[in-house]
Amino acid sequence: MDNATPTKGLIFKDILDKKTGEYISGAHTGTSAGSYAHQELKKILQTSENYTQYVEGVRKWADKHIEGGADALPGYFKRGEELPEHLKEQEVKDRPCP
């Protein structure tokens, strides 16, 4: 199955593999790095009170763990893009990655 998400081409880097204690890198889909990255992003989601905090947390994380940093992210996550006013203070909800 083809991953049609806008993050399909992202490459994760310097992700701590909790099983081995080593740092790994890899593509968004089908790699250990991608799986661990999703776990880290879920933690950011769970500790954010609203979308503004979530986007800021993802950008900060991306600068350390995605090739190209926050500038490589899609949509409102990309550095320099602003969230629409109606989303800024809206509560974030946990949902699975497509």
Foldseek 3Di string as FASTA:
>chain_A
DDDPDPQQAKKWWQQQDPVVRDTDIGTCPDDPRVVSVVVVLVVQLVPDQFPQSSLVVQQVVQQVIIVVGQCSDDDCSRPPRHDPPVRGRHGGDDDDDD
